[in-house]
Amino acid sequence: QVQLAESGGGLVQAGGSLRLSCAASGVGIIFNINTMAWYRQAPGKQRDLVAQIIRGGSTNYADSVKGRFTISRDIAKKMAYLQMNDLKFEDTAVYYCNFAILGNDYWGPGTQVTVSS
């Protein structure tokens, strides 16, 4: 059974940085991972895509985080990362890791990121 676990969230002042990590277990064949992505959900809002990295290595970002956030991965370790720089108050949310594997979506429990203004 695939399980994801995020880490690295916390409280940071505006302008600061955080690095989120996502560790996967039970994945099996690494090649079956189609995409690794980060989503976030603020209170009262829907869960939105923040960044994703596709199997071939191409990346996509939400407009609101372009130039500030960077998604990366270590395929061998089955890890995904999200480097977040120049954090803003509006980045405050629960951040979720998502892996798409053989047509199925897997989610971590989320990690809270709080940016104080």
Protein backbone atom coordinates (compact mmCIF):
# COMPACT_ATOMS: atom_id res chain seq x y z
CA GLN A 1 0.00 0.00 0.00
CA VAL A 2 1.34 3.39 -1.02
CA GLN A 3 1.77 5.86 1.80
CA LEU A 4 3.03 9.43 1.65
CA ALA A 5 4.28 11.52 4.51
CA GLU A 6 5.04 15.24 4.40
CA SER A 7 7.45 17.06 6.68
CA GLY A 8 9.04 20.47 6.98
CA GLY A 9 6.05 22.67 7.65
CA GLY A 10 5.98 25.25 10.39
CA LEU A 11 5.69 28.88 11.32
CA VAL A 12 7.80 31.40 9.42
CA GLN A 13 7.85 35.15 9.02
CA ALA A 14 6.95 36.75 5.72
CA GLY A 15 9.97 36.77 3.44
CA GLY A 16 11.35 33.59 4.98
CA SER A 17 11.86 30.15 3.52
CA LEU A 18 10.79 26.59 4.20
CA ARG A 19 11.55 23.29 2.52
CA LEU A 20 8.87 20.63 2.46
CA SER A 21 9.68 16.98 1.94
CA CYS A 22 7.47 14.09 0.93
CA ALA A 23 8.53 10.51 1.52
CA ALA A 24 6.79 7.62 -0.18
CA SER A 25 6.61 4.02 0.92
CA GLY A 26 5.06 0.98 -0.68
CA VAL A 27 5.51 2.42 -4.17
CA GLY A 28 7.11 -0.58 -5.76
CA ILE A 29 8.42 0.11 -9.25
CA ILE A 30 9.69 3.69 -9.34
CA PHE A 31 8.91 4.01 -13.03
CA ASN A 32 5.22 3.76 -12.26
CA ILE A 33 5.23 7.19 -10.63
CA ASN A 34 3.76 9.47 -13.29
CA THR A 35 3.73 12.76 -11.41
CA MET A 36 4.75 14.14 -8.05
CA ALA A 37 2.95 17.25 -6.94
CA TRP A 38 2.25 19.63 -4.11
CA TYR A 39 -1.19 21.03 -3.40
CA ARG A 40 -2.35 23.39 -0.70
CA GLN A 41 -5.60 24.19 0.99
CA ALA A 42 -6.29 27.30 3.01
CA PRO A 43 -9.21 27.43 5.48
CA GLY A 44 -12.51 27.71 3.66
CA LYS A 45 -10.91 27.29 0.24
CA GLN A 46 -10.51 24.44 -2.20
CA ARG A 47 -7.36 22.42 -2.57
CA ASP A 48 -5.24 23.88 -5.36
CA LEU A 49 -2.22 22.69 -7.27
CA VAL A 50 0.98 24.49 -6.25
CA ALA A 51 3.59 22.64 -8.30
CA GLN A 52 4.07 19.37 -10.10
CA ILE A 53 6.90 17.49 -11.70
CA ILE A 54 6.14 15.00 -14.40
CA ARG A 55 7.99 11.75 -15.08
CA GLY A 56 10.17 13.27 -17.79
CA GLY A 57 11.21 16.09 -15.50
CA SER A 58 9.09 18.97 -16.72
CA THR A 59 7.50 21.15 -14.08
CA ASN A 60 4.40 23.28 -13.70
CA TYR A 61 3.67 25.95 -11.13
CA ALA A 62 0.71 27.97 -10.01
CA ASP A 63 1.11 31.57 -11.13
CA SER A 64 1.08 32.75 -7.53
CA VAL A 65 4.27 30.83 -6.67
CA LYS A 66 6.29 31.13 -9.87
CA GLY A 67 9.76 32.42 -9.18
CA ARG A 68 9.45 31.72 -5.45
CA PHE A 69 8.80 27.97 -5.15
CA THR A 70 10.78 25.13 -6.68
CA ILE A 71 9.69 21.52 -6.88
CA SER A 72 12.29 18.79 -7.10
CA ARG A 73 12.54 15.05 -6.62
CA ASP A 74 14.87 12.21 -5.84
CA ILE A 75 13.38 9.33 -7.76
CA ALA A 76 15.66 6.69 -6.29
CA LYS A 77 14.67 7.75 -2.79
CA LYS A 78 11.01 8.21 -3.79
CA MET A 79 11.12 11.70 -2.39
CA ALA A 80 9.61 14.98 -3.53
CA TYR A 81 10.56 18.41 -2.25
CA LEU A 82 9.16 21.90 -2.34
CA GLN A 83 11.54 24.75 -1.68
CA MET A 84 9.54 27.82 -0.74
CA ASN A 85 11.27 31.19 -0.70
CA ASP A 86 10.00 34.71 -0.09
CA LEU A 87 6.95 33.33 1.67
CA LYS A 88 3.90 35.53 1.90
CA PHE A 89 0.99 35.59 4.31
CA GLU A 90 -1.26 34.22 1.57
CA ASP A 91 0.90 31.10 1.32
CA THR A 92 -0.51 30.01 4.66
CA ALA A 93 -2.23 26.66 4.15
CA VAL A 94 -2.02 22.95 4.69
CA TYR A 95 0.31 21.54 2.05
CA TYR A 96 -0.32 18.08 0.65
CA CYS A 97 1.94 15.80 -1.30
CA ASN A 98 0.38 13.89 -4.19
CA PHE A 99 1.77 11.05 -6.26
CA ALA A 100 -0.01 9.81 -9.37
CA ILE A 101 0.81 6.14 -9.84
CA LEU A 102 -0.73 3.95 -12.53
CA GLY A 103 -3.84 6.10 -12.73
CA ASN A 104 -4.35 6.37 -8.99
CA ASP A 105 -3.85 9.41 -6.80
CA TYR A 106 -2.19 9.08 -3.42
CA TRP A 107 -2.14 11.79 -0.77
CA GLY A 108 -0.22 12.50 2.35
CA PRO A 109 -1.96 13.75 5.51
CA GLY A 110 -0.64 17.27 4.97
CA THR A 111 1.69 19.64 6.77
CA GLN A 112 0.75 23.07 8.04
CA VAL A 113 2.60 26.13 6.77
CA THR A 114 1.86 29.36 8.56
CA VAL A 115 3.37 32.64 7.42
CA SER A 116 3.16 35.54 9.81
CA SER A 117 2.92 39.01 8.35
